[in-house]
Amino acid sequence: MSNRTAGLAAHLVGSIEWHAALAHILKSFDCVTGTIHRTDSSTGLLMLIAHHGIPPQVMPMLLPKIDNIPFGKGIAGCAAQRKEAVQLCNLQEDLGGVAKPDARKTNVQGALAVPIVGADGKVIGVLGIGKMQPYEFNDSEVADLNSVATLLAPKL
Protein backbone atom coordinates (compact mmCIF):
# COMPACT_ATOMS: atom_id res chain seq x y z
CA MET A 1 0.00 0.00 0.00
CA SER A 2 1.43 3.37 -0.99
CA ASN A 3 1.64 6.38 1.27
CA ARG A 4 -1.19 7.93 -0.76
CA THR A 5 -3.64 5.18 0.15
CA ALA A 6 -2.46 4.76 3.75
CA GLY A 7 -5.10 5.77 6.26
CA LEU A 8 -7.94 5.95 3.76
CA ALA A 9 -9.54 2.72 4.97
CA ALA A 10 -10.30 4.41 8.32
CA HIS A 11 -12.58 6.83 6.43
CA LEU A 12 -14.44 3.99 4.72
CA VAL A 13 -16.05 2.23 7.68
CA GLY A 14 -19.55 2.53 9.04
CA SER A 15 -21.56 5.46 7.75
CA ILE A 16 -19.11 7.00 5.30
CA GLU A 17 -18.55 10.74 5.40
CA TRP A 18 -17.60 11.22 1.75
CA HIS A 19 -16.40 14.80 2.24
CA ALA A 20 -13.90 13.68 4.88
CA ALA A 21 -12.72 10.79 2.70
CA LEU A 22 -12.28 13.18 -0.24
CA ALA A 23 -10.35 15.68 1.91
CA HIS A 24 -8.02 12.84 2.99
CA ILE A 25 -7.48 11.80 -0.64
CA LEU A 26 -6.74 15.36 -1.72
CA LYS A 27 -4.22 15.86 1.07
CA SER A 28 -2.39 12.66 0.18
CA PHE A 29 -2.06 13.78 -3.46
CA ASP A 30 -1.20 17.38 -2.53
CA CYS A 31 -4.31 18.58 -4.36
CA VAL A 32 -6.74 21.31 -3.37
CA THR A 33 -9.89 20.41 -5.25
CA GLY A 34 -11.76 17.23 -6.04
CA THR A 35 -15.05 15.46 -6.62
CA ILE A 36 -16.61 12.06 -6.17
CA HIS A 37 -19.49 11.10 -8.44
CA ARG A 38 -21.68 7.99 -8.23
CA THR A 39 -23.38 6.52 -11.30
CA ASP A 40 -27.16 6.69 -10.91
CA SER A 41 -28.51 3.35 -12.11
CA SER A 42 -31.86 4.83 -13.15
CA THR A 43 -30.53 7.77 -15.21
CA GLY A 44 -27.04 6.59 -16.13
CA LEU A 45 -25.68 9.99 -15.09
CA LEU A 46 -22.77 10.66 -12.76
CA MET A 47 -24.29 12.22 -9.63
CA LEU A 48 -22.12 14.36 -7.37
CA ILE A 49 -21.83 12.95 -3.85
CA ALA A 50 -18.85 14.99 -2.56
CA HIS A 51 -16.81 18.00 -3.59
CA HIS A 52 -14.02 19.93 -1.96
CA GLY A 53 -12.11 23.08 -2.79
CA ILE A 54 -14.37 24.49 -5.49
CA PRO A 55 -14.14 28.27 -5.16
CA PRO A 56 -17.33 29.60 -3.50
CA GLN A 57 -17.74 32.34 -6.09
CA VAL A 58 -18.26 29.76 -8.87
CA MET A 59 -20.30 27.19 -6.91
CA PRO A 60 -23.75 28.63 -7.76
CA MET A 61 -22.95 28.56 -11.47
CA LEU A 62 -20.94 25.33 -11.47
CA LEU A 63 -22.97 23.08 -9.18
CA PRO A 64 -25.88 22.53 -11.60
CA LYS A 65 -23.35 21.51 -14.26
CA ILE A 66 -21.38 19.04 -12.15
CA ASP A 67 -24.30 17.64 -10.17
CA ASN A 68 -25.37 15.30 -12.99
CA ILE A 69 -22.81 14.54 -15.69
CA PRO A 70 -23.43 12.35 -18.73
CA PHE A 71 -20.82 9.76 -19.65
CA GLY A 72 -18.53 11.32 -22.26
CA LYS A 73 -18.94 14.94 -21.08
CA GLY A 74 -16.16 16.80 -19.27
CA ILE A 75 -13.21 15.15 -17.58
CA ALA A 76 -15.29 12.95 -15.25
CA GLY A 77 -17.64 11.87 -18.01
CA CYS A 78 -14.73 11.03 -20.33
CA ALA A 79 -13.06 8.93 -17.61
CA ALA A 80 -16.36 7.07 -17.12
CA GLN A 81 -16.93 6.51 -20.84
CA ARG A 82 -13.34 5.43 -21.56
CA LYS A 83 -13.03 3.38 -18.35
CA GLU A 84 -9.55 4.83 -17.88
CA ALA A 85 -7.80 7.77 -16.30
CA VAL A 86 -8.17 11.13 -18.02
CA GLN A 87 -5.86 13.99 -17.18
CA LEU A 88 -5.20 17.52 -18.30
CA CYS A 89 -1.87 19.14 -17.54
CA ASN A 90 -3.56 22.53 -17.80
CA LEU A 91 -7.34 22.60 -17.84
CA GLN A 92 -7.16 26.33 -18.56
CA GLU A 93 -5.49 25.68 -21.90
CA ASP A 94 -7.23 22.46 -22.94
CA LEU A 95 -7.56 22.61 -26.69
CA GLY A 96 -8.82 19.04 -27.07
CA GLY A 97 -12.31 19.87 -25.92
CA VAL A 98 -12.35 17.58 -22.87
CA ALA A 99 -12.72 20.41 -20.37
CA LYS A 100 -16.02 22.23 -20.47
CA PRO A 101 -15.79 26.05 -20.68
CA ASP A 102 -17.35 26.59 -17.23
CA ALA A 103 -14.77 24.26 -15.66
CA ARG A 104 -12.16 26.90 -16.41
CA LYS A 105 -13.86 29.27 -13.98
CA THR A 106 -12.60 27.10 -11.10
CA ASN A 107 -9.00 28.11 -11.95
CA VAL A 108 -8.00 24.44 -11.63
CA GLN A 109 -5.15 23.62 -13.96
CA GLY A 110 -3.69 20.13 -13.39
CA ALA A 111 -6.62 17.68 -13.30
CA LEU A 112 -6.96 13.90 -13.10
CA ALA A 113 -10.12 11.78 -13.08
CA VAL A 114 -10.31 8.00 -12.74
CA PRO A 115 -13.29 5.69 -13.05
CA ILE A 116 -14.52 3.77 -10.04
CA VAL A 117 -15.33 0.30 -11.35
CA GLY A 118 -17.60 -2.18 -9.59
CA ALA A 119 -17.07 -5.91 -9.21
CA ASP A 120 -19.19 -6.48 -12.33
CA GLY A 121 -16.83 -4.32 -14.43
CA LYS A 122 -19.28 -1.43 -14.79
CA VAL A 123 -18.34 2.15 -13.98
CA ILE A 124 -20.10 3.01 -10.73
CA GLY A 125 -18.50 6.41 -10.22
CA VAL A 126 -15.60 8.75 -10.89
CA LEU A 127 -12.99 10.27 -8.59
CA GLY A 128 -11.41 13.54 -9.69
CA ILE A 129 -8.60 15.60 -8.19
CA GLY A 130 -6.98 18.88 -9.20
CA LYS A 131 -4.20 21.35 -8.59
CA MET A 132 -4.23 25.09 -9.11
CA GLN A 133 -1.06 25.05 -11.19
CA PRO A 134 -0.20 23.23 -14.44
CA TYR A 135 0.72 19.68 -13.49
CA GLU A 136 1.14 16.37 -15.23
CA PHE A 137 0.40 13.47 -12.92
CA ASN A 138 3.02 10.75 -13.29
CA ASP A 139 2.32 7.05 -13.81
CA SER A 140 2.77 6.31 -10.10
CA GLU A 141 0.22 8.97 -9.12
CA VAL A 142 -2.27 7.70 -11.70
CA ALA A 143 -1.79 4.13 -10.43
CA ASP A 144 -2.24 5.31 -6.83
CA LEU A 145 -5.45 7.19 -7.66
CA ASN A 146 -6.72 4.06 -9.42
CA SER A 147 -5.91 2.13 -6.22
CA VAL A 148 -7.91 4.66 -4.22
CA ALA A 149 -10.82 4.21 -6.64
CA THR A 150 -10.60 0.44 -6.09
CA LEU A 151 -10.85 1.04 -2.32
CA LEU A 152 -13.90 3.28 -2.83
CA ALA A 153 -15.75 0.89 -5.14
CA PRO A 154 -17.27 -1.51 -2.57
CA LYS A 155 -18.46 1.46 -0.49
CA LEU A 156 -20.05 3.42 -3.33
C-alpha atoms as a PDB file:
ATOM      1  CA  MET A   1       0.000   0.000   0.000  1.00  0.00           C
ATOM      2  CA  SER A   2       1.428   3.366  -0.992  1.00  0.00           C
ATOM      3  CA  ASN A   3       1.639   6.383   1.271  1.00  0.00           C
ATOM      4  CA  ARG A   4      -1.186   7.928  -0.764  1.00  0.00           C
ATOM      5  CA  THR A   5      -3.640   5.178   0.148  1.00  0.00           C
ATOM      6  CA  ALA A   6      -2.460   4.758   3.753  1.00  0.00           C
ATOM      7  CA  GLY A   7      -5.097   5.766   6.260  1.00  0.00           C
ATOM      8  CA  LEU A   8      -7.943   5.945   3.757  1.00  0.00           C
ATOM      9  CA  ALA A   9      -9.537   2.718   4.972  1.00  0.00           C
ATOM     10  CA  ALA A  10     -10.302   4.408   8.316  1.00  0.00           C
ATOM     11  CA  HIS A  11     -12.579   6.830   6.430  1.00  0.00           C
ATOM     12  CA  LEU A  12     -14.442   3.986   4.718  1.00  0.00           C
ATOM     13  CA  VAL A  13     -16.048   2.228   7.676  1.00  0.00           C
ATOM     14  CA  GLY A  14     -19.552   2.534   9.040  1.00  0.00           C
ATOM     15  CA  SER A  15     -21.557   5.460   7.752  1.00  0.00           C
ATOM     16  CA  ILE A  16     -19.111   7.001   5.299  1.00  0.00           C
ATOM     17  CA  GLU A  17     -18.548  10.743   5.398  1.00  0.00           C
ATOM     18  CA  TRP A  18     -17.604  11.219   1.751  1.00  0.00           C
ATOM     19  CA  HIS A  19     -16.400  14.801   2.241  1.00  0.00           C
ATOM     20  CA  ALA A  20     -13.895  13.681   4.877  1.00  0.00           C
ATOM     21  CA  ALA A  21     -12.722  10.795   2.699  1.00  0.00           C
ATOM     22  CA  LEU A  22     -12.276  13.177  -0.241  1.00  0.00           C
ATOM     23  CA  ALA A  23     -10.348  15.677   1.907  1.00  0.00           C
ATOM     24  CA  HIS A  24      -8.023  12.840   2.994  1.00  0.00           C
ATOM     25  CA  ILE A  25      -7.481  11.799  -0.635  1.00  0.00           C
ATOM     26  CA  LEU A  26      -6.740  15.364  -1.720  1.00  0.00           C
ATOM     27  CA  LYS A  27      -4.222  15.864   1.067  1.00  0.00           C
ATOM     28  CA  SER A  28      -2.392  12.657   0.181  1.00  0.00           C
ATOM     29  CA  PHE A  29      -2.057  13.785  -3.457  1.00  0.00           C
ATOM     30  CA  ASP A  30      -1.204  17.385  -2.528  1.00  0.00           C
ATOM     31  CA  CYS A  31      -4.312  18.582  -4.361  1.00  0.00           C
ATOM     32  CA  VAL A  32      -6.745  21.308  -3.365  1.00  0.00           C
ATOM     33  CA  THR A  33      -9.886  20.409  -5.250  1.00  0.00           C
ATOM     34  CA  GLY A  34     -11.763  17.235  -6.036  1.00  0.00           C
ATOM     35  CA  THR A  35     -15.046  15.463  -6.620  1.00  0.00           C
ATOM     36  CA  ILE A  36     -16.607  12.058  -6.173  1.00  0.00           C
ATOM     37  CA  HIS A  37     -19.489  11.098  -8.444  1.00  0.00           C
ATOM     38  CA  ARG A  38     -21.682   7.989  -8.233  1.00  0.00           C
ATOM     39  CA  THR A  39     -23.384   6.515 -11.305  1.00  0.00           C
ATOM     40  CA  ASP A  40     -27.164   6.693 -10.913  1.00  0.00           C
ATOM     41  CA  SER A  41     -28.510   3.349 -12.113  1.00  0.00           C
ATOM     42  CA  SER A  42     -31.861   4.832 -13.151  1.00  0.00           C
ATOM     43  CA  THR A  43     -30.534   7.767 -15.209  1.00  0.00           C
ATOM     44  CA  GLY A  44     -27.038   6.587 -16.127  1.00  0.00           C
ATOM     45  CA  LEU A  45     -25.679   9.989 -15.087  1.00  0.00           C
ATOM     46  CA  LEU A  46     -22.768  10.656 -12.757  1.00  0.00           C
ATOM     47  CA  MET A  47     -24.288  12.216  -9.630  1.00  0.00           C
ATOM     48  CA  LEU A  48     -22.115  14.358  -7.369  1.00  0.00           C
ATOM     49  CA  ILE A  49     -21.826  12.955  -3.848  1.00  0.00           C
ATOM     50  CA  ALA A  50     -18.854  14.994  -2.557  1.00  0.00           C
ATOM     51  CA  HIS A  51     -16.814  18.003  -3.589  1.00  0.00           C
ATOM     52  CA  HIS A  52     -14.019  19.927  -1.961  1.00  0.00           C
ATOM     53  CA  GLY A  53     -12.107  23.079  -2.792  1.00  0.00           C
ATOM     54  CA  ILE A  54     -14.365  24.485  -5.490  1.00  0.00           C
ATOM     55  CA  PRO A  55     -14.140  28.266  -5.156  1.00  0.00           C
ATOM     56  CA  PRO A  56     -17.325  29.603  -3.498  1.00  0.00           C
ATOM     57  CA  GLN A  57     -17.738  32.338  -6.092  1.00  0.00           C
ATOM     58  CA  VAL A  58     -18.258  29.760  -8.870  1.00  0.00           C
ATOM     59  CA  MET A  59     -20.298  27.193  -6.911  1.00  0.00           C
ATOM     60  CA  PRO A  60     -23.750  28.635  -7.759  1.00  0.00           C
ATOM     61  CA  MET A  61     -22.948  28.564 -11.466  1.00  0.00           C
ATOM     62  CA  LEU A  62     -20.939  25.326 -11.472  1.00  0.00           C
ATOM     63  CA  LEU A  63     -22.974  23.081  -9.179  1.00  0.00           C
ATOM     64  CA  PRO A  64     -25.880  22.534 -11.605  1.00  0.00           C
ATOM     65  CA  LYS A  65     -23.345  21.515 -14.264  1.00  0.00           C
ATOM     66  CA  ILE A  66     -21.381  19.035 -12.150  1.00  0.00           C
ATOM     67  CA  ASP A  67     -24.302  17.643 -10.168  1.00  0.00           C
ATOM     68  CA  ASN A  68     -25.373  15.303 -12.992  1.00  0.00           C
ATOM     69  CA  ILE A  69     -22.809  14.542 -15.692  1.00  0.00           C
ATOM     70  CA  PRO A  70     -23.427  12.346 -18.734  1.00  0.00           C
ATOM     71  CA  PHE A  71     -20.821   9.758 -19.649  1.00  0.00           C
ATOM     72  CA  GLY A  72     -18.533  11.317 -22.263  1.00  0.00           C
ATOM     73  CA  LYS A  73     -18.938  14.938 -21.076  1.00  0.00           C
ATOM     74  CA  GLY A  74     -16.163  16.798 -19.270  1.00  0.00           C
ATOM     75  CA  ILE A  75     -13.209  15.152 -17.577  1.00  0.00           C
ATOM     76  CA  ALA A  76     -15.287  12.950 -15.248  1.00  0.00           C
ATOM     77  CA  GLY A  77     -17.638  11.871 -18.015  1.00  0.00           C
ATOM     78  CA  CYS A  78     -14.731  11.032 -20.326  1.00  0.00           C
ATOM     79  CA  ALA A  79     -13.062   8.925 -17.609  1.00  0.00           C
ATOM     80  CA  ALA A  80     -16.360   7.069 -17.124  1.00  0.00           C
ATOM     81  CA  GLN A  81     -16.926   6.505 -20.839  1.00  0.00           C
ATOM     82  CA  ARG A  82     -13.342   5.430 -21.559  1.00  0.00           C
ATOM     83  CA  LYS A  83     -13.028   3.380 -18.348  1.00  0.00           C
ATOM     84  CA  GLU A  84      -9.548   4.826 -17.883  1.00  0.00           C
ATOM     85  CA  ALA A  85      -7.796   7.771 -16.297  1.00  0.00           C
ATOM     86  CA  VAL A  86      -8.173  11.135 -18.019  1.00  0.00           C
ATOM     87  CA  GLN A  87      -5.855  13.993 -17.178  1.00  0.00           C
ATOM     88  CA  LEU A  88      -5.201  17.518 -18.302  1.00  0.00           C
ATOM     89  CA  CYS A  89      -1.865  19.141 -17.537  1.00  0.00           C
ATOM     90  CA  ASN A  90      -3.556  22.531 -17.796  1.00  0.00           C
ATOM     91  CA  LEU A  91      -7.337  22.599 -17.842  1.00  0.00           C
ATOM     92  CA  GLN A  92      -7.159  26.331 -18.555  1.00  0.00           C
ATOM     93  CA  GLU A  93      -5.487  25.682 -21.897  1.00  0.00           C
ATOM     94  CA  ASP A  94      -7.232  22.460 -22.940  1.00  0.00           C
ATOM     95  CA  LEU A  95      -7.564  22.611 -26.690  1.00  0.00           C
ATOM     96  CA  GLY A  96      -8.817  19.042 -27.073  1.00  0.00           C
ATOM     97  CA  GLY A  97     -12.310  19.870 -25.918  1.00  0.00           C
ATOM     98  CA  VAL A  98     -12.345  17.578 -22.870  1.00  0.00           C
ATOM     99  CA  ALA A  99     -12.720  20.413 -20.370  1.00  0.00           C
ATOM    100  CA  LYS A 100     -16.024  22.233 -20.472  1.00  0.00           C
ATOM    101  CA  PRO A 101     -15.792  26.052 -20.677  1.00  0.00           C
ATOM    102  CA  ASP A 102     -17.353  26.588 -17.228  1.00  0.00           C
ATOM    103  CA  ALA A 103     -14.774  24.257 -15.659  1.00  0.00           C
ATOM    104  CA  ARG A 104     -12.159  26.896 -16.407  1.00  0.00           C
ATOM    105  CA  LYS A 105     -13.859  29.269 -13.976  1.00  0.00           C
ATOM    106  CA  THR A 106     -12.603  27.102 -11.096  1.00  0.00           C
ATOM    107  CA  ASN A 107      -9.004  28.110 -11.947  1.00  0.00           C
ATOM    108  CA  VAL A 108      -7.995  24.445 -11.631  1.00  0.00           C
ATOM    109  CA  GLN A 109      -5.147  23.617 -13.964  1.00  0.00           C
ATOM    110  CA  GLY A 110      -3.693  20.126 -13.395  1.00  0.00           C
ATOM    111  CA  ALA A 111      -6.624  17.681 -13.302  1.00  0.00           C
ATOM    112  CA  LEU A 112      -6.958  13.899 -13.098  1.00  0.00           C
ATOM    113  CA  ALA A 113     -10.122  11.780 -13.077  1.00  0.00           C
ATOM    114  CA  VAL A 114     -10.307   7.998 -12.736  1.00  0.00           C
ATOM    115  CA  PRO A 115     -13.294   5.695 -13.054  1.00  0.00           C
ATOM    116  CA  ILE A 116     -14.522   3.773 -10.041  1.00  0.00           C
ATOM    117  CA  VAL A 117     -15.332   0.300 -11.348  1.00  0.00           C
ATOM    118  CA  GLY A 118     -17.602  -2.182  -9.595  1.00  0.00           C
ATOM    119  CA  ALA A 119     -17.074  -5.914  -9.206  1.00  0.00           C
ATOM    120  CA  ASP A 120     -19.188  -6.480 -12.332  1.00  0.00           C
ATOM    121  CA  GLY A 121     -16.833  -4.325 -14.426  1.00  0.00           C
ATOM    122  CA  LYS A 122     -19.280  -1.435 -14.785  1.00  0.00           C
ATOM    123  CA  VAL A 123     -18.341   2.148 -13.979  1.00  0.00           C
ATOM    124  CA  ILE A 124     -20.103   3.013 -10.727  1.00  0.00           C
ATOM    125  CA  GLY A 125     -18.501   6.409 -10.220  1.00  0.00           C
ATOM    126  CA  VAL A 126     -15.601   8.749 -10.887  1.00  0.00           C
ATOM    127  CA  LEU A 127     -12.992  10.265  -8.586  1.00  0.00           C
ATOM    128  CA  GLY A 128     -11.414  13.538  -9.691  1.00  0.00           C
ATOM    129  CA  ILE A 129      -8.603  15.598  -8.192  1.00  0.00           C
ATOM    130  CA  GLY A 130      -6.984  18.880  -9.198  1.00  0.00           C
ATOM    131  CA  LYS A 131      -4.203  21.349  -8.588  1.00  0.00           C
ATOM    132  CA  MET A 132      -4.229  25.095  -9.105  1.00  0.00           C
ATOM    133  CA  GLN A 133      -1.056  25.051 -11.191  1.00  0.00           C
ATOM    134  CA  PRO A 134      -0.203  23.230 -14.438  1.00  0.00           C
ATOM    135  CA  TYR A 135       0.717  19.685 -13.487  1.00  0.00           C
ATOM    136  CA  GLU A 136       1.137  16.372 -15.230  1.00  0.00           C
ATOM    137  CA  PHE A 137       0.396  13.473 -12.919  1.00  0.00           C
ATOM    138  CA  ASN A 138       3.019  10.753 -13.290  1.00  0.00           C
ATOM    139  CA  ASP A 139       2.321   7.050 -13.811  1.00  0.00           C
ATOM    140  CA  SER A 140       2.768   6.311 -10.102  1.00  0.00           C
ATOM    141  CA  GLU A 141       0.217   8.975  -9.120  1.00  0.00           C
ATOM    142  CA  VAL A 142      -2.272   7.696 -11.704  1.00  0.00           C
ATOM    143  CA  ALA A 143      -1.788   4.134 -10.431  1.00  0.00           C
ATOM    144  CA  ASP A 144      -2.235   5.306  -6.830  1.00  0.00           C
ATOM    145  CA  LEU A 145      -5.452   7.185  -7.663  1.00  0.00           C
ATOM    146  CA  ASN A 146      -6.720   4.056  -9.419  1.00  0.00           C
ATOM    147  CA  SER A 147      -5.907   2.125  -6.221  1.00  0.00           C
ATOM    148  CA  VAL A 148      -7.909   4.658  -4.220  1.00  0.00           C
ATOM    149  CA  ALA A 149     -10.821   4.206  -6.645  1.00  0.00           C
ATOM    150  CA  THR A 150     -10.601   0.441  -6.088  1.00  0.00           C
ATOM    151  CA  LEU A 151     -10.851   1.036  -2.321  1.00  0.00           C
ATOM    152  CA  LEU A 152     -13.897   3.282  -2.827  1.00  0.00           C
ATOM    153  CA  ALA A 153     -15.755   0.891  -5.145  1.00  0.00           C
ATOM    154  CA  PRO A 154     -17.265  -1.508  -2.567  1.00  0.00           C
ATOM    155  CA  LYS A 155     -18.461   1.462  -0.487  1.00  0.00           C
ATOM    156  CA  LEU A 156     -20.052   3.425  -3.326  1.00  0.00           C
END
